[in-house]
Amino acid sequence: MDLSLWPADASSANVDIFSSILANAAENLLHDDSDVLADHCDKLKANGGGNVDIIVDNAGFELITDLALAQHLIDSGIASCVTFQLKSHPTFVSDALEKDLLAHVEYYAGLNAKEYPSCQNAGMKWKAYLAEGKWKCNEDDFWVQPLAMWDMMEPLHQDMKDRCDLAFVKGDANYRRLLGDCMWDYTAPFEDVVGAYFPCPVCALRTLKAEIGCGMDVAQVQRAKDLDDSWMVNGRFGVVHFGKGSSN
């Protein structure tokens, strides 16, 4: 689902939009590497937890889901440290900077514990993660530039290659950068297109909102076309892709 879209009016704020989306998840995922991702996460956990990066996209509700993912990664033992890769300036008004992440954490930690006990408890836990170094923030100009991901500059590229055991890449714009904004065969394996060059193991979470893609089965592509003429652009469908990363 497109987590950057969320109702702004108070009357809609508590509407459960997740149930129907989760119920249709199998139908709307055109490729799902969740099992491969889970195996990789199990290996990280067995080795005492790895260094996991989350390449952050939008502030607001979407960033809260990033924080929830990061909490799970730490609490489950999959990660010993989570690094948030953040924008250095807001190219788009919603782009998340380090100060935005810290503000979200402070807001949750400052909530009324009686009225919002779970959220306030999460906020306090997130503050502790930051203070203890289990969560780290890194702003970089690369995340707001139009360059393809294979043109990732130093020292960011070498840092991710040396340190990162798994990176989550989120959003349609970041996915397009993974593909260099080029037209690939929709069935070209993600491992060949992205996994072959990315500096570390990578999981791409994408809602389709542009006319490029890869790593989808022929039958799934045809099914999506039959269901919806706008299947590539309207955000109805998505993919979960995993790539091993380059060893060079």
C-alpha atoms as a PDB file:
ATOM      1  CA  MET A   1       0.000   0.000   0.000  1.00  0.00           C
ATOM      2  CA  ASP A   2       1.036   3.598  -0.507  1.00  0.00           C
ATOM      3  CA  LEU A   3       1.888   4.703   3.026  1.00  0.00           C
ATOM      4  CA  SER A   4       2.481   8.298   1.920  1.00  0.00           C
ATOM      5  CA  LEU A   5      -1.277   8.744   1.483  1.00  0.00           C
ATOM      6  CA  TRP A   6      -3.245   9.122   4.689  1.00  0.00           C
ATOM      7  CA  PRO A   7      -6.515  10.920   5.564  1.00  0.00           C
ATOM      8  CA  ALA A   8      -5.838  14.375   6.992  1.00  0.00           C
ATOM      9  CA  ASP A   9      -9.184  15.015   8.645  1.00  0.00           C
ATOM     10  CA  ALA A  10      -9.736  13.868  12.209  1.00  0.00           C
ATOM     11  CA  SER A  11     -12.933  11.981  11.379  1.00  0.00           C
ATOM     12  CA  SER A  12     -10.974   9.587   9.145  1.00  0.00           C
ATOM     13  CA  ALA A  13      -7.879   9.262  11.291  1.00  0.00           C
ATOM     14  CA  ASN A  14      -8.978   6.109  13.095  1.00  0.00           C
ATOM     15  CA  VAL A  15     -10.553   4.292  10.148  1.00  0.00           C
ATOM     16  CA  ASP A  16      -9.180   0.765   9.760  1.00  0.00           C
ATOM     17  CA  ILE A  17      -7.854   0.760   6.206  1.00  0.00           C
ATOM     18  CA  PHE A  18      -5.498  -2.146   6.789  1.00  0.00           C
ATOM     19  CA  SER A  19      -7.907  -5.075   7.026  1.00  0.00           C
ATOM     20  CA  SER A  20      -9.092  -4.997   3.431  1.00  0.00           C
ATOM     21  CA  ILE A  21      -5.588  -4.276   2.120  1.00  0.00           C
ATOM     22  CA  LEU A  22      -4.091  -7.208   4.020  1.00  0.00           C
ATOM     23  CA  ALA A  23      -6.942  -9.443   2.869  1.00  0.00           C
ATOM     24  CA  ASN A  24      -6.105  -8.606  -0.750  1.00  0.00           C
ATOM     25  CA  ALA A  25      -2.345  -8.719  -0.286  1.00  0.00           C
ATOM     26  CA  ALA A  26      -1.841 -12.030  -2.068  1.00  0.00           C
ATOM     27  CA  GLU A  27      -3.824 -10.847  -5.068  1.00  0.00           C
ATOM     28  CA  ASN A  28      -2.102  -7.483  -5.292  1.00  0.00           C
ATOM     29  CA  LEU A  29       1.515  -8.661  -4.875  1.00  0.00           C
ATOM     30  CA  LEU A  30       2.961  -9.422  -8.307  1.00  0.00           C
ATOM     31  CA  HIS A  31       6.158 -10.815  -6.799  1.00  0.00           C
ATOM     32  CA  ASP A  32       6.882 -11.771  -3.201  1.00  0.00           C
ATOM     33  CA  ASP A  33      10.356 -12.675  -1.943  1.00  0.00           C
ATOM     34  CA  SER A  34       9.212 -12.689   1.687  1.00  0.00           C
ATOM     35  CA  ASP A  35      10.391 -16.271   2.231  1.00  0.00           C
ATOM     36  CA  VAL A  36      13.885 -15.466   0.920  1.00  0.00           C
ATOM     37  CA  LEU A  37      13.956 -12.307   3.049  1.00  0.00           C
ATOM     38  CA  ALA A  38      12.873 -14.297   6.120  1.00  0.00           C
ATOM     39  CA  ASP A  39      15.671 -16.821   5.566  1.00  0.00           C
ATOM     40  CA  HIS A  40      18.216 -13.996   5.371  1.00  0.00           C
ATOM     41  CA  CYS A  41      16.817 -12.418   8.547  1.00  0.00           C
ATOM     42  CA  ASP A  42      17.003 -15.778  10.347  1.00  0.00           C
ATOM     43  CA  LYS A  43      20.716 -15.977   9.488  1.00  0.00           C
ATOM     44  CA  LEU A  44      21.313 -12.473  10.835  1.00  0.00           C
ATOM     45  CA  LYS A  45      19.493 -13.362  14.050  1.00  0.00           C
ATOM     46  CA  ALA A  46      21.470 -16.587  14.426  1.00  0.00           C
ATOM     47  CA  ASN A  47      24.691 -14.580  14.153  1.00  0.00           C
ATOM     48  CA  GLY A  48      23.664 -12.221  16.952  1.00  0.00           C
ATOM     49  CA  GLY A  49      21.947  -9.568  14.844  1.00  0.00           C
ATOM     50  CA  GLY A  50      23.186  -7.608  11.863  1.00  0.00           C
ATOM     51  CA  ASN A  51      23.462  -4.002  10.725  1.00  0.00           C
ATOM     52  CA  VAL A  52      20.264  -3.128   8.898  1.00  0.00           C
ATOM     53  CA  ASP A  53      19.607   0.104   6.991  1.00  0.00           C
ATOM     54  CA  ILE A  54      16.217   1.595   6.171  1.00  0.00           C
ATOM     55  CA  ILE A  55      16.331   4.034   3.256  1.00  0.00           C
ATOM     56  CA  VAL A  56      13.638   6.416   4.422  1.00  0.00           C
ATOM     57  CA  ASP A  57      11.233   8.207   2.105  1.00  0.00           C
ATOM     58  CA  ASN A  58       8.386  10.289   3.564  1.00  0.00           C
ATOM     59  CA  ALA A  59       7.741  11.855   6.974  1.00  0.00           C
ATOM     60  CA  GLY A  60       4.373  11.439   8.684  1.00  0.00           C
ATOM     61  CA  PHE A  61       2.528   8.154   8.998  1.00  0.00           C
ATOM     62  CA  GLU A  62       4.942   6.402   6.625  1.00  0.00           C
ATOM     63  CA  LEU A  63       7.909   7.288   8.849  1.00  0.00           C
ATOM     64  CA  ILE A  64       6.048   5.900  11.863  1.00  0.00           C
ATOM     65  CA  THR A  65       5.774   2.564  10.052  1.00  0.00           C
ATOM     66  CA  ASP A  66       9.542   2.739   9.418  1.00  0.00           C
ATOM     67  CA  LEU A  67      10.086   3.209  13.152  1.00  0.00           C
ATOM     68  CA  ALA A  68       7.793   0.258  13.875  1.00  0.00           C
ATOM     69  CA  LEU A  69       9.801  -1.880  11.432  1.00  0.00           C
ATOM     70  CA  ALA A  70      13.049  -0.762  13.058  1.00  0.00           C
ATOM     71  CA  GLN A  71      11.676  -1.622  16.500  1.00  0.00           C
ATOM     72  CA  HIS A  72      10.771  -5.115  15.312  1.00  0.00           C
ATOM     73  CA  LEU A  73      14.213  -5.605  13.799  1.00  0.00           C
ATOM     74  CA  ILE A  74      15.869  -4.759  17.137  1.00  0.00           C
ATOM     75  CA  ASP A  75      13.370  -6.537  19.416  1.00  0.00           C
ATOM     76  CA  SER A  76      13.420  -9.713  17.311  1.00  0.00           C
ATOM     77  CA  GLY A  77      17.216  -9.885  17.310  1.00  0.00           C
ATOM     78  CA  ILE A  78      17.454  -9.626  13.520  1.00  0.00           C
ATOM     79  CA  ALA A  79      19.365  -6.361  13.897  1.00  0.00           C
ATOM     80  CA  SER A  80      21.833  -5.224  16.508  1.00  0.00           C
ATOM     81  CA  CYS A  81      21.802  -1.758  14.946  1.00  0.00           C
ATOM     82  CA  VAL A  82      19.406  -0.002  12.558  1.00  0.00           C
ATOM     83  CA  THR A  83      20.647   2.959  10.529  1.00  0.00           C
ATOM     84  CA  PHE A  84      18.089   5.302   9.017  1.00  0.00           C
ATOM     85  CA  GLN A  85      19.330   6.670   5.699  1.00  0.00           C
ATOM     86  CA  LEU A  86      17.672  10.094   5.549  1.00  0.00           C
ATOM     87  CA  LYS A  87      17.403  12.995   3.110  1.00  0.00           C
ATOM     88  CA  SER A  88      19.787  15.945   3.515  1.00  0.00           C
ATOM     89  CA  HIS A  89      17.102  18.441   2.467  1.00  0.00           C
ATOM     90  CA  PRO A  90      13.450  18.242   1.403  1.00  0.00           C
ATOM     91  CA  THR A  91      13.349  18.026  -2.392  1.00  0.00           C
ATOM     92  CA  PHE A  92       9.681  17.184  -1.841  1.00  0.00           C
ATOM     93  CA  VAL A  93       7.894  18.716   1.121  1.00  0.00           C
ATOM     94  CA  SER A  94       7.320  15.293   2.695  1.00  0.00           C
ATOM     95  CA  ASP A  95      10.957  14.125   2.462  1.00  0.00           C
ATOM     96  CA  ALA A  96      12.136  12.885   5.854  1.00  0.00           C
ATOM     97  CA  LEU A  97      15.239  14.456   7.431  1.00  0.00           C
ATOM     98  CA  GLU A  98      16.959  13.503  10.696  1.00  0.00           C
ATOM     99  CA  LYS A  99      15.164  16.321  12.519  1.00  0.00           C
ATOM    100  CA  ASP A 100      11.845  14.921  11.286  1.00  0.00           C
ATOM    101  CA  LEU A 101      12.626  11.467  12.640  1.00  0.00           C
ATOM    102  CA  LEU A 102      13.661  12.915  16.010  1.00  0.00           C
ATOM    103  CA  ALA A 103      10.496  15.037  16.110  1.00  0.00           C
ATOM    104  CA  HIS A 104       8.321  11.980  15.450  1.00  0.00           C
ATOM    105  CA  VAL A 105      10.042  10.087  18.272  1.00  0.00           C
ATOM    106  CA  GLU A 106       9.671  13.023  20.683  1.00  0.00           C
ATOM    107  CA  TYR A 107       5.997  13.419  19.799  1.00  0.00           C
ATOM    108  CA  TYR A 108       5.222   9.786  20.560  1.00  0.00           C
ATOM    109  CA  ALA A 109       7.262   9.812  23.754  1.00  0.00           C
ATOM    110  CA  GLY A 110       5.377  12.907  24.903  1.00  0.00           C
ATOM    111  CA  LEU A 111       1.885  11.479  24.421  1.00  0.00           C
ATOM    112  CA  ASN A 112      -0.436  10.985  27.383  1.00  0.00           C
ATOM    113  CA  ALA A 113       0.449   7.530  28.706  1.00  0.00           C
ATOM    114  CA  LYS A 114      -3.096   6.925  29.972  1.00  0.00           C
ATOM    115  CA  GLU A 115      -4.764   7.912  26.704  1.00  0.00           C
ATOM    116  CA  TYR A 116      -2.196   6.392  24.309  1.00  0.00           C
ATOM    117  CA  PRO A 117      -0.247   3.823  26.358  1.00  0.00           C
ATOM    118  CA  SER A 118       1.106   1.754  23.467  1.00  0.00           C
ATOM    119  CA  CYS A 119       2.200   4.760  21.414  1.00  0.00           C
ATOM    120  CA  GLN A 120       3.800   6.504  24.382  1.00  0.00           C
ATOM    121  CA  ASN A 121       5.620   3.314  25.366  1.00  0.00           C
ATOM    122  CA  ALA A 122       6.897   2.959  21.808  1.00  0.00           C
ATOM    123  CA  GLY A 123       8.131   6.552  21.824  1.00  0.00           C
ATOM    124  CA  MET A 124      10.070   6.007  25.038  1.00  0.00           C
ATOM    125  CA  LYS A 125      11.576   2.809  23.640  1.00  0.00           C
ATOM    126  CA  TRP A 126      12.590   4.628  20.424  1.00  0.00           C
ATOM    127  CA  LYS A 127      14.299   7.367  22.458  1.00  0.00           C
ATOM    128  CA  ALA A 128      16.226   4.694  24.329  1.00  0.00           C
ATOM    129  CA  TYR A 129      17.309   3.028  21.083  1.00  0.00           C
ATOM    130  CA  LEU A 130      18.714   6.345  19.852  1.00  0.00           C
ATOM    131  CA  ALA A 131      20.459   7.069  23.154  1.00  0.00           C
ATOM    132  CA  GLU A 132      21.988   3.588  23.272  1.00  0.00           C
ATOM    133  CA  GLY A 133      23.181   3.677  19.665  1.00  0.00           C
ATOM    134  CA  LYS A 134      20.918   0.845  18.573  1.00  0.00           C
ATOM    135  CA  TRP A 135      19.331   3.321  16.163  1.00  0.00           C
ATOM    136  CA  LYS A 136      21.469   5.726  14.149  1.00  0.00           C
ATOM    137  CA  CYS A 137      20.640   8.490  11.676  1.00  0.00           C
ATOM    138  CA  ASN A 138      22.623   9.293   8.553  1.00  0.00           C
ATOM    139  CA  GLU A 139      21.747  12.140   6.198  1.00  0.00           C
ATOM    140  CA  ASP A 140      23.288  12.088   2.730  1.00  0.00           C
ATOM    141  CA  ASP A 141      22.875  14.238  -0.384  1.00  0.00           C
ATOM    142  CA  PHE A 142      22.673  11.102  -2.537  1.00  0.00           C
ATOM    143  CA  TRP A 143      19.162  10.312  -1.310  1.00  0.00           C
ATOM    144  CA  VAL A 144      17.794  13.549  -2.841  1.00  0.00           C
ATOM    145  CA  GLN A 145      19.605  13.284  -6.179  1.00  0.00           C
ATOM    146  CA  PRO A 146      18.283  11.812  -9.453  1.00  0.00           C
ATOM    147  CA  LEU A 147      21.258   9.499 -10.002  1.00  0.00           C
ATOM    148  CA  ALA A 148      20.732   5.782 -10.501  1.00  0.00           C
ATOM    149  CA  MET A 149      21.562   3.677  -7.469  1.00  0.00           C
ATOM    150  CA  TRP A 150      24.456   2.096  -9.354  1.00  0.00           C
ATOM    151  CA  ASP A 151      26.043   5.574  -9.341  1.00  0.00           C
ATOM    152  CA  MET A 152      26.019   5.700  -5.532  1.00  0.00           C
ATOM    153  CA  MET A 153      28.912   7.902  -4.475  1.00  0.00           C
ATOM    154  CA  GLU A 154      31.644   7.456  -1.903  1.00  0.00           C
ATOM    155  CA  PRO A 155      31.919   7.220   1.021  1.00  0.00           C
ATOM    156  CA  LEU A 156      28.262   6.087   1.160  1.00  0.00           C
ATOM    157  CA  HIS A 157      28.788   3.146  -1.204  1.00  0.00           C
ATOM    158  CA  GLN A 158      31.813   1.774   0.627  1.00  0.00           C
ATOM    159  CA  ASP A 159      30.163   2.278   4.021  1.00  0.00           C
ATOM    160  CA  MET A 160      27.103   0.256   3.007  1.00  0.00           C
ATOM    161  CA  LYS A 161      29.292  -2.408   1.412  1.00  0.00           C
ATOM    162  CA  ASP A 162      31.502  -2.797   4.492  1.00  0.00           C
ATOM    163  CA  ARG A 163      28.890  -2.360   7.222  1.00  0.00           C
ATOM    164  CA  CYS A 164      25.372  -3.169   6.019  1.00  0.00           C
ATOM    165  CA  ASP A 165      23.935  -6.695   6.167  1.00  0.00           C
ATOM    166  CA  LEU A 166      20.525  -5.744   4.769  1.00  0.00           C
ATOM    167  CA  ALA A 167      18.996  -2.584   3.341  1.00  0.00           C
ATOM    168  CA  PHE A 168      15.295  -1.873   2.938  1.00  0.00           C
ATOM    169  CA  VAL A 169      14.566   0.380  -0.049  1.00  0.00           C
ATOM    170  CA  LYS A 170      11.063   1.824   0.032  1.00  0.00           C
ATOM    171  CA  GLY A 171       8.861   3.693  -2.371  1.00  0.00           C
ATOM    172  CA  ASP A 172       8.334   4.028  -6.095  1.00  0.00           C
ATOM    173  CA  ALA A 173      10.888   6.798  -6.686  1.00  0.00           C
ATOM    174  CA  ASN A 174      13.667   4.858  -4.935  1.00  0.00           C
ATOM    175  CA  TYR A 175      12.681   1.722  -6.857  1.00  0.00           C
ATOM    176  CA  ARG A 176      12.956   3.624 -10.116  1.00  0.00           C
ATOM    177  CA  ARG A 177      16.451   4.679  -9.085  1.00  0.00           C
ATOM    178  CA  LEU A 178      17.309   1.029  -8.410  1.00  0.00           C
ATOM    179  CA  LEU A 179      16.380   0.366 -12.042  1.00  0.00           C
ATOM    180  CA  GLY A 180      18.139   3.518 -13.276  1.00  0.00           C
ATOM    181  CA  ASP A 181      14.736   4.745 -14.499  1.00  0.00           C
ATOM    182  CA  CYS A 182      15.281   2.424 -17.467  1.00  0.00           C
ATOM    183  CA  MET A 183      12.808   0.210 -19.282  1.00  0.00           C
ATOM    184  CA  TRP A 184      13.606  -3.391 -18.335  1.00  0.00           C
ATOM    185  CA  ASP A 185      11.759  -6.505 -19.347  1.00  0.00           C
ATOM    186  CA  TYR A 186       9.115  -6.923 -16.665  1.00  0.00           C
ATOM    187  CA  THR A 187      10.286 -10.516 -16.171  1.00  0.00           C
ATOM    188  CA  ALA A 188      14.027  -9.714 -15.887  1.00  0.00           C
ATOM    189  CA  PRO A 189      15.172 -11.148 -12.514  1.00  0.00           C
ATOM    190  CA  PHE A 190      15.622  -8.544  -9.774  1.00  0.00           C
ATOM    191  CA  GLU A 191      18.836 -10.315  -8.788  1.00  0.00           C
ATOM    192  CA  ASP A 192      20.281  -9.664 -12.249  1.00  0.00           C
ATOM    193  CA  VAL A 193      19.053  -6.068 -12.477  1.00  0.00           C
ATOM    194  CA  VAL A 194      19.732  -4.850  -8.904  1.00  0.00           C
ATOM    195  CA  GLY A 195      21.265  -7.598  -6.799  1.00  0.00           C
ATOM    196  CA  ALA A 196      24.241  -7.776  -9.142  1.00  0.00           C
ATOM    197  CA  TYR A 197      25.438  -4.240  -8.313  1.00  0.00           C
ATOM    198  CA  PHE A 198      23.888  -3.090  -5.018  1.00  0.00           C
ATOM    199  CA  PRO A 199      26.575  -2.825  -2.298  1.00  0.00           C
ATOM    200  CA  CYS A 200      24.763  -5.097   0.193  1.00  0.00           C
ATOM    201  CA  PRO A 201      21.764  -7.439   0.428  1.00  0.00           C
ATOM    202  CA  VAL A 202      18.660  -5.425  -0.422  1.00  0.00           C
ATOM    203  CA  CYS A 203      14.903  -5.723  -0.022  1.00  0.00           C
ATOM    204  CA  ALA A 204      12.813  -3.423  -2.206  1.00  0.00           C
ATOM    205  CA  LEU A 205       9.265  -2.669  -1.066  1.00  0.00           C
ATOM    206  CA  ARG A 206       7.377  -0.990  -3.893  1.00  0.00           C
ATOM    207  CA  THR A 207       3.873   0.085  -4.797  1.00  0.00           C
ATOM    208  CA  LEU A 208       3.729   0.343  -8.595  1.00  0.00           C
ATOM    209  CA  LYS A 209       3.245   3.979  -9.662  1.00  0.00           C
ATOM    210  CA  ALA A 210       5.433   4.229 -12.779  1.00  0.00           C
ATOM    211  CA  GLU A 211       5.712   2.323 -16.062  1.00  0.00           C
ATOM    212  CA  ILE A 212       8.928   0.455 -15.301  1.00  0.00           C
ATOM    213  CA  GLY A 213       9.571  -2.732 -13.398  1.00  0.00           C
ATOM    214  CA  CYS A 214      11.328  -6.090 -13.280  1.00  0.00           C
ATOM    215  CA  GLY A 215      11.274  -9.420 -11.502  1.00  0.00           C
ATOM    216  CA  MET A 216       7.632 -10.281 -12.163  1.00  0.00           C
ATOM    217  CA  ASP A 217       6.343 -13.587 -13.540  1.00  0.00           C
ATOM    218  CA  VAL A 218       4.767 -13.567 -16.999  1.00  0.00           C
ATOM    219  CA  ALA A 219       1.499 -14.939 -15.649  1.00  0.00           C
ATOM    220  CA  GLN A 220       1.322 -12.298 -12.911  1.00  0.00           C
ATOM    221  CA  VAL A 221       1.978  -9.491 -15.381  1.00  0.00           C
ATOM    222  CA  GLN A 222      -0.771 -10.761 -17.665  1.00  0.00           C
ATOM    223  CA  ARG A 223      -3.168 -11.175 -14.733  1.00  0.00           C
ATOM    224  CA  ALA A 224      -2.557  -7.572 -13.634  1.00  0.00           C
ATOM    225  CA  LYS A 225      -3.099  -6.314 -17.188  1.00  0.00           C
ATOM    226  CA  ASP A 226      -6.391  -8.216 -17.399  1.00  0.00           C
ATOM    227  CA  LEU A 227      -7.569  -6.861 -14.052  1.00  0.00           C
ATOM    228  CA  ASP A 228      -6.604  -3.217 -14.503  1.00  0.00           C
ATOM    229  CA  ASP A 229      -5.481  -1.204 -17.547  1.00  0.00           C
ATOM    230  CA  SER A 230      -3.624   1.157 -15.190  1.00  0.00           C
ATOM    231  CA  TRP A 231      -1.889  -1.616 -13.279  1.00  0.00           C
ATOM    232  CA  MET A 232       1.575  -0.047 -13.525  1.00  0.00           C
ATOM    233  CA  VAL A 233       0.690   3.426 -12.302  1.00  0.00           C
ATOM    234  CA  ASN A 234      -2.284   3.504  -9.935  1.00  0.00           C
ATOM    235  CA  GLY A 235      -0.726   1.946  -6.823  1.00  0.00           C
ATOM    236  CA  ARG A 236      -3.020  -1.069  -6.732  1.00  0.00           C
ATOM    237  CA  PHE A 237      -0.225  -3.605  -7.149  1.00  0.00           C
ATOM    238  CA  GLY A 238       3.116  -4.050  -5.449  1.00  0.00           C
ATOM    239  CA  VAL A 239       6.250  -6.174  -5.200  1.00  0.00           C
ATOM    240  CA  VAL A 240       8.574  -7.430  -2.485  1.00  0.00           C
ATOM    241  CA  HIS A 241      11.968  -8.055  -4.061  1.00  0.00           C
ATOM    242  CA  PHE A 242      15.187  -9.377  -2.508  1.00  0.00           C
ATOM    243  CA  GLY A 243      18.672  -9.219  -3.980  1.00  0.00           C
ATOM    244  CA  LYS A 244      21.887 -10.693  -2.553  1.00  0.00           C
ATOM    245  CA  GLY A 245      24.039  -7.672  -3.382  1.00  0.00           C
ATOM    246  CA  SER A 246      27.353  -7.454  -5.185  1.00  0.00           C
ATOM    247  CA  SER A 247      30.448  -9.246  -3.904  1.00  0.00           C
ATOM    248  CA  ASN A 248      32.738  -6.932  -5.908  1.00  0.00           C
END
